[in-house]
N, C-alpha and C. Protein backbone atom coordinates (compact mmCIF):
# COMPACT_ATOMS: atom_id res chain seq x y z
N UNK A 1 110.51 107.10 107.28
CA UNK A 1 110.84 107.33 105.88
C UNK A 1 109.81 108.32 105.27
N UNK A 2 110.29 109.00 104.30
CA UNK A 2 109.43 110.00 103.63
C UNK A 2 109.41 109.78 102.10
N UNK A 3 108.42 110.23 101.49
CA UNK A 3 108.29 110.26 100.03
C UNK A 3 107.96 111.65 99.52
N UNK A 4 108.70 112.17 98.53
CA UNK A 4 108.53 113.50 98.06
C UNK A 4 107.43 113.49 97.06
N UNK A 5 106.68 114.64 96.93
CA UNK A 5 105.64 114.80 95.88
C UNK A 5 106.27 114.68 94.52
N UNK A 6 105.67 113.81 93.62
CA UNK A 6 106.20 113.68 92.26
C UNK A 6 107.38 112.74 92.10
N UNK A 7 107.65 112.04 93.22
CA UNK A 7 108.91 111.20 93.21
C UNK A 7 108.49 109.74 92.84
N UNK A 8 109.42 109.03 92.17
CA UNK A 8 109.36 107.61 92.01
C UNK A 8 110.35 106.96 93.07
N UNK A 9 109.77 106.39 94.07
CA UNK A 9 110.58 105.81 95.15
C UNK A 9 110.55 104.34 95.05
N UNK A 10 111.75 103.67 95.04
CA UNK A 10 111.87 102.22 95.00
C UNK A 10 111.98 101.75 96.35
N UNK A 11 111.18 100.81 96.72
CA UNK A 11 111.18 100.07 98.08
C UNK A 11 111.76 98.65 97.82
N UNK A 12 112.95 98.47 98.23
CA UNK A 12 113.60 97.17 97.96
C UNK A 12 114.07 96.52 99.18
N UNK A 13 114.36 95.25 99.13
CA UNK A 13 114.75 94.43 100.27
C UNK A 13 114.49 92.98 99.98
N UNK A 14 115.11 92.09 100.82
CA UNK A 14 114.90 90.69 100.58
C UNK A 14 113.49 90.32 101.03
N UNK A 15 113.16 88.96 100.65
CA UNK A 15 111.82 88.50 101.06
C UNK A 15 111.77 88.52 102.60
N UNK A 16 110.64 88.92 103.09
CA UNK A 16 110.47 89.07 104.53
C UNK A 16 110.88 90.40 105.15
N UNK A 17 111.34 91.27 104.34
CA UNK A 17 111.89 92.58 104.82
C UNK A 17 110.77 93.48 105.38
N UNK A 18 109.53 93.28 104.84
CA UNK A 18 108.44 94.09 105.42
C UNK A 18 107.86 94.96 104.40
N UNK A 19 108.20 94.81 103.03
CA UNK A 19 107.77 95.68 101.99
C UNK A 19 106.30 95.68 101.82
N UNK A 20 105.65 94.53 101.64
CA UNK A 20 104.21 94.43 101.51
C UNK A 20 103.47 94.75 102.66
N UNK A 21 104.05 94.45 103.82
CA UNK A 21 103.46 94.85 105.16
C UNK A 21 103.36 96.47 105.20
N UNK A 22 104.42 97.07 104.80
CA UNK A 22 104.44 98.49 104.79
C UNK A 22 103.32 99.03 103.84
N UNK A 23 103.23 98.50 102.68
CA UNK A 23 102.19 98.85 101.69
C UNK A 23 100.76 98.71 102.47
N UNK A 24 100.59 97.61 102.99
CA UNK A 24 99.30 97.39 103.70
C UNK A 24 99.02 98.37 104.81
N UNK A 25 100.06 98.84 105.54
CA UNK A 25 99.96 99.78 106.59
C UNK A 25 99.62 101.13 105.96
N UNK A 26 100.30 101.50 104.87
CA UNK A 26 100.06 102.85 104.21
C UNK A 26 98.60 102.90 103.61
N UNK A 27 98.21 101.76 103.02
CA UNK A 27 96.96 101.70 102.28
C UNK A 27 95.76 101.62 103.29
N UNK A 28 95.99 101.17 104.50
CA UNK A 28 94.95 101.02 105.57
C UNK A 28 94.41 99.68 105.69
N UNK A 29 95.06 98.67 105.08
CA UNK A 29 94.66 97.25 105.25
C UNK A 29 95.09 96.70 106.51
N UNK A 30 96.20 97.14 107.06
CA UNK A 30 96.74 96.76 108.36
C UNK A 30 96.71 97.90 109.31
N UNK A 31 96.26 97.77 110.47
CA UNK A 31 96.33 98.72 111.55
C UNK A 31 97.79 98.70 112.12
N UNK A 32 98.26 99.85 112.48
CA UNK A 32 99.65 99.99 113.02
C UNK A 32 99.68 99.96 114.53
N UNK A 33 100.54 99.39 115.20
CA UNK A 33 100.66 99.27 116.64
C UNK A 33 101.21 100.61 117.21
N UNK A 34 102.16 101.15 116.45
CA UNK A 34 102.70 102.37 116.97
C UNK A 34 103.25 103.21 115.73
N UNK A 35 103.64 104.45 115.99
CA UNK A 35 104.01 105.27 114.96
C UNK A 35 102.90 105.99 114.27
N UNK A 36 103.21 106.87 113.28
CA UNK A 36 102.24 107.68 112.58
C UNK A 36 102.43 107.70 111.07
N UNK A 37 101.35 107.67 110.39
CA UNK A 37 101.39 107.66 108.86
C UNK A 37 100.71 109.00 108.55
N UNK A 38 101.44 109.78 107.81
CA UNK A 38 101.00 111.08 107.44
C UNK A 38 100.94 111.16 105.93
N UNK A 39 99.86 111.75 105.35
CA UNK A 39 99.80 111.84 103.94
C UNK A 39 99.24 113.18 103.49
N UNK A 40 99.98 113.92 102.71
CA UNK A 40 99.58 115.21 102.12
C UNK A 40 99.00 116.17 103.29
N UNK A 41 99.79 116.21 104.42
CA UNK A 41 99.37 117.05 105.51
C UNK A 41 98.39 116.53 106.47
N UNK A 42 97.89 115.27 106.21
CA UNK A 42 96.92 114.65 107.12
C UNK A 42 97.53 113.52 107.88
N UNK A 43 97.13 113.37 109.14
CA UNK A 43 97.45 112.14 109.91
C UNK A 43 96.38 111.18 109.55
N UNK A 44 96.75 110.13 108.75
CA UNK A 44 95.75 109.11 108.32
C UNK A 44 95.88 107.77 109.12
N UNK A 45 96.66 107.75 110.26
CA UNK A 45 96.94 106.57 110.95
C UNK A 45 95.67 105.77 111.30
N UNK A 46 94.58 106.60 111.70
CA UNK A 46 93.44 105.94 112.23
C UNK A 46 92.33 105.74 111.14
N UNK A 47 92.63 106.18 109.95
CA UNK A 47 91.57 106.15 108.94
C UNK A 47 91.45 104.74 108.24
N UNK A 48 90.31 104.42 107.75
CA UNK A 48 90.12 103.17 107.12
C UNK A 48 90.76 103.31 105.67
N UNK A 49 90.84 102.08 105.02
CA UNK A 49 91.34 102.07 103.63
C UNK A 49 90.48 102.88 102.65
N UNK A 50 89.18 102.74 102.69
CA UNK A 50 88.39 103.66 101.77
C UNK A 50 88.52 105.11 102.05
N UNK A 51 88.70 105.53 103.31
CA UNK A 51 88.90 106.93 103.58
C UNK A 51 90.24 107.42 103.06
N UNK A 52 91.28 106.60 103.19
CA UNK A 52 92.60 106.80 102.54
C UNK A 52 92.52 107.00 101.08
N UNK A 53 91.71 106.10 100.52
CA UNK A 53 91.54 106.12 99.03
C UNK A 53 90.91 107.47 98.66
N UNK A 54 89.86 107.91 99.40
CA UNK A 54 89.28 109.20 99.08
C UNK A 54 90.25 110.39 99.18
N UNK A 55 91.27 110.24 100.01
CA UNK A 55 92.26 111.27 100.08
C UNK A 55 93.26 111.18 98.94
N UNK A 56 93.40 110.09 98.32
CA UNK A 56 94.33 109.91 97.15
C UNK A 56 95.36 108.83 97.23
N UNK A 57 95.13 107.88 98.03
CA UNK A 57 96.08 106.70 98.08
C UNK A 57 95.52 105.55 97.44
N UNK A 58 96.23 104.89 96.44
CA UNK A 58 95.75 103.68 95.76
C UNK A 58 96.92 102.72 95.70
N UNK A 59 96.52 101.48 95.50
CA UNK A 59 97.67 100.48 95.49
C UNK A 59 97.25 99.25 94.54
N UNK A 60 98.20 98.55 94.07
CA UNK A 60 98.10 97.25 93.33
C UNK A 60 98.60 96.22 94.31
N UNK A 61 98.36 94.99 93.91
CA UNK A 61 98.75 93.86 94.74
C UNK A 61 99.76 92.95 94.12
N UNK A 62 100.54 92.32 94.95
CA UNK A 62 101.59 91.50 94.40
C UNK A 62 101.12 90.34 93.50
N UNK A 63 99.92 89.73 93.97
CA UNK A 63 99.16 88.83 93.17
C UNK A 63 97.93 89.58 92.72
N UNK A 64 97.81 89.74 91.31
CA UNK A 64 96.63 90.54 90.88
C UNK A 64 95.26 90.02 91.39
N UNK A 65 94.43 90.92 91.76
CA UNK A 65 93.15 90.59 92.32
C UNK A 65 92.00 91.14 91.43
N UNK A 66 91.89 90.59 90.26
CA UNK A 66 90.81 91.00 89.33
C UNK A 66 89.51 90.19 89.63
N UNK A 67 88.39 90.80 89.35
CA UNK A 67 87.05 90.18 89.39
C UNK A 67 86.83 89.41 88.02
N UNK A 68 87.19 88.19 88.01
CA UNK A 68 87.37 87.47 86.70
C UNK A 68 85.99 87.18 86.13
N UNK A 69 84.91 87.18 86.81
CA UNK A 69 83.64 87.02 86.18
C UNK A 69 83.03 88.30 85.63
N UNK A 70 83.67 89.34 85.85
CA UNK A 70 83.27 90.69 85.33
C UNK A 70 84.14 91.05 84.15
N UNK A 71 83.62 92.02 83.32
CA UNK A 71 84.49 92.45 82.20
C UNK A 71 85.57 93.37 82.70
N UNK A 72 86.53 93.58 81.77
CA UNK A 72 87.64 94.44 82.05
C UNK A 72 87.17 95.85 82.53
N UNK A 73 86.24 96.37 81.79
CA UNK A 73 85.85 97.77 82.09
C UNK A 73 85.04 97.74 83.35
N UNK A 74 84.26 96.72 83.75
CA UNK A 74 83.58 96.66 85.01
C UNK A 74 84.56 96.63 86.13
N UNK A 75 85.68 95.95 85.98
CA UNK A 75 86.67 95.99 86.97
C UNK A 75 87.20 97.32 87.27
N UNK A 76 87.35 98.11 86.19
CA UNK A 76 87.90 99.49 86.49
C UNK A 76 86.83 100.35 86.98
N UNK A 77 85.62 100.07 86.64
CA UNK A 77 84.49 100.88 87.23
C UNK A 77 84.56 100.88 88.73
N UNK A 78 84.92 99.75 89.38
CA UNK A 78 85.08 99.64 90.75
C UNK A 78 85.84 100.77 91.37
N UNK A 79 86.97 101.12 90.59
CA UNK A 79 87.74 102.20 91.06
C UNK A 79 87.20 103.51 90.68
N UNK A 80 86.67 103.65 89.53
CA UNK A 80 86.13 104.87 89.01
C UNK A 80 84.98 105.47 89.83
N UNK A 81 84.12 104.53 90.36
CA UNK A 81 83.01 104.94 91.18
C UNK A 81 83.42 105.58 92.54
N UNK A 82 84.60 105.39 92.94
CA UNK A 82 85.09 106.02 94.12
C UNK A 82 85.11 107.63 93.90
N UNK A 83 85.17 108.04 92.71
CA UNK A 83 85.28 109.51 92.42
C UNK A 83 84.09 110.12 91.74
N UNK A 84 83.19 109.25 91.28
CA UNK A 84 82.15 109.82 90.36
C UNK A 84 80.79 109.26 90.81
N UNK A 85 79.80 110.19 90.79
CA UNK A 85 78.53 109.92 91.35
C UNK A 85 77.68 109.13 90.45
N UNK A 86 77.83 109.24 89.16
CA UNK A 86 77.03 108.47 88.18
C UNK A 86 77.83 107.30 87.53
N UNK A 87 76.99 106.22 87.22
CA UNK A 87 77.69 105.04 86.50
C UNK A 87 78.16 105.52 85.13
N UNK A 88 77.38 106.40 84.49
CA UNK A 88 77.87 106.82 83.09
C UNK A 88 79.20 107.59 83.23
N UNK A 89 79.35 108.48 84.08
CA UNK A 89 80.62 109.24 84.20
C UNK A 89 81.74 108.29 84.57
N UNK A 90 81.42 107.34 85.45
CA UNK A 90 82.48 106.36 85.85
C UNK A 90 82.87 105.48 84.70
N UNK A 91 81.90 105.08 83.87
CA UNK A 91 82.29 104.23 82.69
C UNK A 91 83.13 104.96 81.73
N UNK A 92 82.83 106.29 81.44
CA UNK A 92 83.66 107.06 80.59
C UNK A 92 85.09 107.23 81.09
N UNK A 93 85.15 107.43 82.41
CA UNK A 93 86.48 107.54 83.04
C UNK A 93 87.24 106.25 82.96
N UNK A 94 86.52 105.10 83.17
CA UNK A 94 87.13 103.82 83.11
C UNK A 94 87.66 103.45 81.74
N UNK A 95 86.91 103.84 80.74
CA UNK A 95 87.41 103.61 79.39
C UNK A 95 88.59 104.44 79.03
N UNK A 96 88.66 105.65 79.58
CA UNK A 96 89.81 106.52 79.33
C UNK A 96 90.99 106.00 79.95
N UNK A 97 90.85 105.45 81.18
CA UNK A 97 92.03 104.85 81.88
C UNK A 97 92.50 103.65 81.15
N UNK A 98 91.57 102.82 80.67
CA UNK A 98 91.99 101.61 79.98
C UNK A 98 92.80 101.87 78.69
N UNK A 99 92.41 102.95 78.00
CA UNK A 99 93.18 103.40 76.86
C UNK A 99 94.60 103.83 77.33
N UNK A 100 94.68 104.58 78.44
CA UNK A 100 95.87 105.04 78.93
C UNK A 100 96.86 103.96 79.24
N UNK A 101 96.34 102.81 79.76
CA UNK A 101 97.28 101.72 80.12
C UNK A 101 97.41 100.70 79.06
N UNK A 102 96.77 100.95 77.84
CA UNK A 102 96.96 100.01 76.71
C UNK A 102 95.97 98.86 76.67
N UNK A 103 94.92 98.91 77.35
CA UNK A 103 93.89 97.89 77.44
C UNK A 103 92.52 98.33 76.81
N UNK A 104 92.54 99.42 76.04
CA UNK A 104 91.31 99.88 75.54
C UNK A 104 90.50 98.88 74.57
N UNK A 105 91.32 98.09 73.88
CA UNK A 105 90.70 97.13 72.98
C UNK A 105 90.25 95.82 73.67
N UNK A 106 90.48 95.79 75.04
CA UNK A 106 90.09 94.59 75.78
C UNK A 106 89.00 95.00 76.80
N UNK A 107 88.42 96.09 76.68
CA UNK A 107 87.47 96.63 77.64
C UNK A 107 86.30 95.64 77.97
N UNK A 108 85.77 95.02 76.90
CA UNK A 108 84.49 94.29 77.01
C UNK A 108 84.70 92.80 77.22
N UNK A 109 86.01 92.38 77.15
CA UNK A 109 86.21 90.92 77.43
C UNK A 109 86.14 90.64 78.95
N UNK A 110 86.01 89.35 79.30
CA UNK A 110 86.05 88.97 80.67
C UNK A 110 87.48 89.17 81.27
N UNK A 111 87.58 89.66 82.45
CA UNK A 111 88.87 89.82 83.06
C UNK A 111 89.59 88.50 83.15
N UNK A 112 88.84 87.39 83.27
CA UNK A 112 89.46 86.11 83.34
C UNK A 112 90.24 85.57 82.19
N UNK A 113 89.94 86.29 81.04
CA UNK A 113 90.60 86.01 79.75
C UNK A 113 91.93 86.71 79.60
N UNK A 114 92.25 87.63 80.45
CA UNK A 114 93.44 88.43 80.36
C UNK A 114 94.73 87.57 80.65
N UNK A 115 95.86 87.92 79.98
CA UNK A 115 97.10 87.23 80.33
C UNK A 115 97.54 87.88 81.64
N UNK A 116 98.48 87.20 82.28
CA UNK A 116 99.06 87.79 83.50
C UNK A 116 99.58 89.15 83.40
N UNK A 117 100.40 89.43 82.31
CA UNK A 117 100.81 90.89 82.14
C UNK A 117 99.64 91.84 81.99
N UNK A 118 98.60 91.40 81.27
CA UNK A 118 97.42 92.30 81.10
C UNK A 118 96.65 92.49 82.45
N UNK A 119 96.68 91.48 83.25
CA UNK A 119 96.03 91.64 84.58
C UNK A 119 96.80 92.64 85.49
N UNK A 120 98.05 92.67 85.30
CA UNK A 120 98.82 93.70 86.09
C UNK A 120 98.52 95.09 85.59
N UNK A 121 98.27 95.26 84.29
CA UNK A 121 97.87 96.56 83.78
C UNK A 121 96.47 96.92 84.25
N UNK A 122 95.58 95.83 84.31
CA UNK A 122 94.23 96.03 84.84
C UNK A 122 94.22 96.53 86.29
N UNK A 123 95.05 95.94 87.04
CA UNK A 123 95.28 96.46 88.44
C UNK A 123 95.62 97.89 88.48
N UNK A 124 96.62 98.26 87.61
CA UNK A 124 96.97 99.66 87.60
C UNK A 124 95.85 100.56 87.13
N UNK A 125 95.08 100.12 86.09
CA UNK A 125 94.00 100.92 85.65
C UNK A 125 92.96 101.15 86.73
N UNK A 126 92.65 100.05 87.50
CA UNK A 126 91.62 100.23 88.62
C UNK A 126 92.09 101.20 89.63
N UNK A 127 93.42 101.12 89.97
CA UNK A 127 94.01 102.04 90.89
C UNK A 127 93.91 103.46 90.35
N UNK A 128 94.32 103.67 89.13
CA UNK A 128 94.40 104.94 88.59
C UNK A 128 93.00 105.65 88.37
N UNK A 129 92.00 104.71 88.27
CA UNK A 129 90.61 105.26 88.11
C UNK A 129 90.08 106.00 89.36
N UNK A 130 90.79 105.75 90.54
CA UNK A 130 90.42 106.36 91.75
C UNK A 130 91.18 107.80 91.84
N UNK A 131 91.88 108.17 90.77
CA UNK A 131 92.52 109.47 90.64
C UNK A 131 93.51 109.63 91.91
N UNK A 132 94.47 108.78 92.05
CA UNK A 132 95.36 108.88 93.21
C UNK A 132 96.35 110.04 93.07
N UNK A 133 96.79 110.45 94.33
CA UNK A 133 97.98 111.28 94.43
C UNK A 133 99.16 110.50 94.65
N UNK A 134 99.02 109.30 95.31
CA UNK A 134 100.09 108.40 95.62
C UNK A 134 99.64 106.95 95.14
N UNK A 135 100.42 106.39 94.37
CA UNK A 135 100.19 105.04 93.86
C UNK A 135 101.26 104.07 94.34
N UNK A 136 100.79 103.07 95.01
CA UNK A 136 101.64 101.98 95.51
C UNK A 136 101.71 100.82 94.58
N UNK A 137 102.77 100.47 93.95
CA UNK A 137 102.86 99.43 92.92
C UNK A 137 103.65 98.29 93.54
N UNK A 138 103.02 97.12 93.76
CA UNK A 138 103.63 95.97 94.40
C UNK A 138 104.00 94.94 93.33
N UNK A 139 105.28 94.92 92.90
CA UNK A 139 105.87 94.03 91.93
C UNK A 139 105.11 93.97 90.63
N UNK A 140 104.87 95.07 90.06
CA UNK A 140 104.07 95.07 88.71
C UNK A 140 104.95 94.55 87.58
N UNK A 141 106.24 94.32 87.78
CA UNK A 141 107.09 93.85 86.66
C UNK A 141 107.32 92.39 86.71
N UNK A 142 106.79 91.68 87.79
CA UNK A 142 107.08 90.29 87.99
C UNK A 142 106.46 89.41 86.87
N UNK A 143 107.36 88.55 86.32
CA UNK A 143 106.90 87.66 85.24
C UNK A 143 106.82 88.20 83.89
N UNK A 144 107.26 89.50 83.66
CA UNK A 144 107.18 90.07 82.33
C UNK A 144 108.34 89.81 81.45
N UNK A 145 108.18 89.60 80.20
CA UNK A 145 109.33 89.51 79.20
C UNK A 145 110.01 90.88 79.18
N UNK A 146 111.26 90.87 78.61
CA UNK A 146 111.92 92.15 78.50
C UNK A 146 111.14 93.18 77.82
N UNK A 147 110.46 92.88 76.72
CA UNK A 147 109.69 93.87 75.94
C UNK A 147 108.53 94.33 76.79
N UNK A 148 107.80 93.43 77.52
CA UNK A 148 106.69 93.89 78.44
C UNK A 148 107.31 94.72 79.56
N UNK A 149 108.41 94.43 80.03
CA UNK A 149 109.00 95.19 81.12
C UNK A 149 109.31 96.65 80.70
N UNK A 150 109.78 96.68 79.47
CA UNK A 150 110.12 98.08 78.94
C UNK A 150 108.79 98.81 78.69
N UNK A 151 107.73 98.18 78.26
CA UNK A 151 106.49 98.93 78.15
C UNK A 151 105.93 99.27 79.60
N UNK A 152 106.20 98.42 80.60
CA UNK A 152 105.76 98.76 81.94
C UNK A 152 106.52 99.95 82.49
N UNK A 153 107.80 100.10 82.23
CA UNK A 153 108.57 101.22 82.65
C UNK A 153 108.02 102.45 82.01
N UNK A 154 107.73 102.45 80.69
CA UNK A 154 107.14 103.59 80.05
C UNK A 154 105.83 104.00 80.64
N UNK A 155 105.04 102.98 81.00
CA UNK A 155 103.76 103.36 81.63
C UNK A 155 103.89 103.98 82.96
N UNK A 156 104.90 103.51 83.72
CA UNK A 156 105.07 104.14 85.05
C UNK A 156 105.59 105.58 84.96
N UNK A 157 106.37 105.77 84.00
CA UNK A 157 106.85 107.16 83.76
C UNK A 157 105.65 108.09 83.26
N UNK A 158 104.81 107.56 82.46
CA UNK A 158 103.67 108.33 81.98
C UNK A 158 102.69 108.68 83.21
N UNK A 159 102.58 107.65 84.15
CA UNK A 159 101.78 107.89 85.34
C UNK A 159 102.38 108.99 86.15
N UNK A 160 103.69 108.96 86.32
CA UNK A 160 104.38 110.00 87.10
C UNK A 160 104.15 111.38 86.37
N UNK A 161 104.31 111.39 85.11
CA UNK A 161 104.16 112.64 84.28
C UNK A 161 102.74 113.25 84.44
N UNK A 162 101.79 112.44 84.87
CA UNK A 162 100.42 112.90 85.20
C UNK A 162 100.43 113.55 86.60
N UNK A 163 101.49 113.57 87.31
CA UNK A 163 101.52 114.25 88.60
C UNK A 163 101.31 113.32 89.76
N UNK A 164 101.33 111.96 89.54
CA UNK A 164 101.14 110.96 90.55
C UNK A 164 102.49 110.59 91.20
N UNK A 165 102.56 110.59 92.54
CA UNK A 165 103.72 110.08 93.27
C UNK A 165 103.66 108.55 93.28
N UNK A 166 104.78 107.88 93.05
CA UNK A 166 104.85 106.46 93.06
C UNK A 166 105.83 105.91 94.03
N UNK A 167 105.34 104.85 94.73
CA UNK A 167 106.25 104.03 95.49
C UNK A 167 106.13 102.61 94.97
N UNK A 168 107.18 102.01 94.57
CA UNK A 168 107.12 100.69 93.93
C UNK A 168 108.10 99.62 94.55
N UNK A 169 107.58 98.52 94.79
CA UNK A 169 108.27 97.33 95.23
C UNK A 169 108.61 96.60 94.02
N UNK A 170 109.92 96.25 93.88
CA UNK A 170 110.39 95.47 92.66
C UNK A 170 111.63 94.71 92.97
N UNK A 171 111.69 93.55 92.52
CA UNK A 171 112.94 92.71 92.75
C UNK A 171 113.90 92.74 91.59
N UNK A 172 113.42 93.14 90.42
CA UNK A 172 114.31 93.09 89.23
C UNK A 172 115.08 94.42 89.23
N UNK A 173 116.26 94.37 89.76
CA UNK A 173 117.02 95.59 89.96
C UNK A 173 117.43 96.31 88.63
N UNK A 174 117.64 95.47 87.63
CA UNK A 174 118.04 95.98 86.27
C UNK A 174 116.91 96.81 85.76
N UNK A 175 115.71 96.66 86.19
CA UNK A 175 114.52 97.40 85.73
C UNK A 175 114.31 98.62 86.58
N UNK A 176 114.32 98.44 87.91
CA UNK A 176 113.94 99.47 88.84
C UNK A 176 114.93 100.54 89.01
N UNK A 177 116.26 100.21 89.00
CA UNK A 177 117.28 101.18 89.32
C UNK A 177 117.31 102.40 88.33
N UNK A 178 117.18 102.13 87.02
CA UNK A 178 117.19 103.27 86.08
C UNK A 178 115.88 104.08 86.15
N UNK A 179 114.82 103.50 86.74
CA UNK A 179 113.54 104.13 86.79
C UNK A 179 113.30 105.10 87.95
N UNK A 180 113.84 104.67 89.04
CA UNK A 180 113.43 105.38 90.34
C UNK A 180 114.31 106.60 90.54
N UNK A 181 113.84 107.57 91.27
CA UNK A 181 114.59 108.70 91.74
C UNK A 181 115.42 108.42 92.94
N UNK A 182 114.83 107.63 93.81
CA UNK A 182 115.45 107.38 95.13
C UNK A 182 115.02 105.99 95.56
N UNK A 183 115.72 105.36 96.48
CA UNK A 183 115.49 104.02 97.00
C UNK A 183 115.53 103.99 98.45
N UNK A 184 114.60 103.20 99.06
CA UNK A 184 114.69 102.87 100.50
C UNK A 184 114.87 101.35 100.64
N UNK A 185 115.85 100.91 101.34
CA UNK A 185 116.09 99.47 101.50
C UNK A 185 115.66 99.07 102.86
N UNK A 186 114.75 98.13 102.86
CA UNK A 186 114.30 97.56 104.20
C UNK A 186 115.04 96.20 104.49
N UNK A 187 115.20 96.03 105.74
CA UNK A 187 115.72 94.67 106.20
C UNK A 187 115.12 94.45 107.58
N UNK A 188 114.39 93.33 107.65
CA UNK A 188 113.68 92.90 108.91
C UNK A 188 112.82 94.04 109.49
N UNK A 189 112.16 94.75 108.58
CA UNK A 189 111.15 95.75 109.02
C UNK A 189 111.79 97.14 109.41
N UNK A 190 113.07 97.22 109.19
CA UNK A 190 113.70 98.56 109.49
C UNK A 190 114.37 99.10 108.20
N UNK A 191 114.50 100.44 108.18
CA UNK A 191 115.26 101.05 107.02
C UNK A 191 116.75 100.80 107.22
N UNK A 192 117.28 100.06 106.23
CA UNK A 192 118.72 99.84 106.24
C UNK A 192 119.48 100.95 105.57
N UNK A 193 119.00 101.48 104.48
CA UNK A 193 119.67 102.57 103.79
C UNK A 193 118.65 103.21 102.92
N UNK A 194 118.96 104.43 102.52
CA UNK A 194 118.20 105.21 101.49
C UNK A 194 119.12 106.19 100.72
N UNK A 195 118.81 106.42 99.56
CA UNK A 195 119.55 107.26 98.69
C UNK A 195 119.27 107.15 97.25
N UNK A 196 120.10 107.69 96.39
CA UNK A 196 119.91 107.66 94.99
C UNK A 196 120.26 106.12 94.61
N UNK A 197 119.80 105.69 93.36
CA UNK A 197 120.22 104.38 93.01
C UNK A 197 121.75 104.18 92.99
N UNK A 198 122.49 105.13 92.59
CA UNK A 198 123.94 105.03 92.51
C UNK A 198 124.50 104.80 93.94
N UNK A 199 123.95 105.54 94.92
CA UNK A 199 124.38 105.43 96.31
C UNK A 199 123.99 104.07 96.88
N UNK A 200 122.84 103.61 96.54
CA UNK A 200 122.35 102.28 97.06
C UNK A 200 123.28 101.12 96.56
N UNK A 201 123.47 101.16 95.29
CA UNK A 201 124.26 100.05 94.70
C UNK A 201 125.72 100.01 95.27
N UNK A 202 126.18 101.26 95.67
CA UNK A 202 127.57 101.34 96.25
C UNK A 202 127.60 101.11 97.78
N UNK A 203 126.42 100.96 98.45
CA UNK A 203 126.46 100.79 99.89
C UNK A 203 126.77 99.37 100.24
N UNK A 204 127.87 99.13 100.95
CA UNK A 204 128.32 97.70 101.35
C UNK A 204 127.22 97.07 102.16
N UNK A 205 126.47 97.76 102.97
CA UNK A 205 125.44 97.17 103.77
C UNK A 205 124.38 96.54 102.93
N UNK A 206 123.94 97.31 101.85
CA UNK A 206 123.03 96.78 100.98
C UNK A 206 123.44 95.69 100.03
N UNK A 207 124.74 95.70 99.68
CA UNK A 207 125.36 94.63 98.89
C UNK A 207 125.33 93.36 99.70
N UNK A 208 125.64 93.50 100.93
CA UNK A 208 125.76 92.28 101.84
C UNK A 208 124.43 91.68 102.19
N UNK A 209 123.44 92.62 102.36
CA UNK A 209 122.12 92.20 102.82
C UNK A 209 121.22 91.71 101.65
N UNK A 210 121.45 92.29 100.45
CA UNK A 210 120.45 92.03 99.43
C UNK A 210 121.01 91.89 98.04
N UNK A 211 121.69 92.90 97.56
CA UNK A 211 122.04 92.95 96.17
C UNK A 211 123.02 91.79 95.80
N UNK A 212 123.88 91.41 96.65
CA UNK A 212 124.71 90.19 96.44
C UNK A 212 126.01 90.46 95.68
N UNK A 213 126.72 89.37 95.48
CA UNK A 213 128.07 89.46 94.90
C UNK A 213 128.02 89.96 93.49
N UNK A 214 126.99 89.63 92.68
CA UNK A 214 126.93 90.04 91.32
C UNK A 214 126.99 91.53 91.16
N UNK A 215 126.24 92.26 91.96
CA UNK A 215 126.16 93.75 92.03
C UNK A 215 127.47 94.27 92.51
N UNK A 216 127.97 93.60 93.58
CA UNK A 216 129.29 94.15 94.04
C UNK A 216 130.37 93.99 93.12
N UNK A 217 130.43 92.93 92.27
CA UNK A 217 131.44 92.78 91.30
C UNK A 217 131.29 93.77 90.17
N UNK A 218 130.02 94.00 89.74
CA UNK A 218 129.73 95.01 88.82
C UNK A 218 130.14 96.36 89.21
N UNK A 219 129.91 96.69 90.47
CA UNK A 219 130.32 97.99 91.01
C UNK A 219 131.80 98.22 90.97
N UNK A 220 132.58 97.12 91.24
CA UNK A 220 134.07 97.22 91.31
C UNK A 220 134.65 97.24 89.87
N UNK A 221 133.89 96.75 88.78
CA UNK A 221 134.46 96.65 87.51
C UNK A 221 134.53 97.97 86.75
C-alpha cells in the first residue's frame, strides 16, 4: 500500500485486521519479518523508532499514553525536544502546539487531570511537536461526543492544511468517510480493497467483511 503526500488516508477493517500492528511497523515499534517500508524516498525498514521520528514519522496510540505526573506542557516538551536543542525553544514550541490543538489554557495543569477527549488532543500535540511529515492517528475519535468529534475533524483538517500527511485508523464510519481522501481496508493482515470513500462503501467485499448490512442498505436506498 502507498500513501500520497498531503493525503488523509483512512485505514479501516474489523478488530484483528492488523491496523495497529501496521502502525507499529511503520513507526518502528515492531520489526518486520519481510517486506520494505519506505518513507519520503528512504528505506526505513531497519531504522529505530527514534530515527524514523527524526525523519518525520509520528503517531498517537489507541489508548492515550500521557505522563500523568507531569504537566500538560511538559508532556508536549517530550516531543518538542526531538527537534530543538534548548529547553527554552522546546517550551515555546510546545505552548504553540497546545494553542493549536485547543489546550493552551490547560498547559500548566497535571496531565492526569485531563478528560479522555483532552488526553487524545494531548497525544496529538505531543506528536505534532516533533514536526512530522506523516502523522499516524490511532482511533482519536473513540469515545467522543458528536460535538467533540466535529471539533476533532476540524483539527485533523487543520493539521493536513499545515502540510502533514495523515493516516488514521477509525471505526466510526460516519465520521471518517467524509474526512478522508482515500481508504485502505485490511482483513486478516492483507489489503482487501482501496479507493475513494464512495468506492469503498459500494464494494461488496467490504460490506460483507466489515461495513455490514446497515451500510449495504443505505447504499441501496
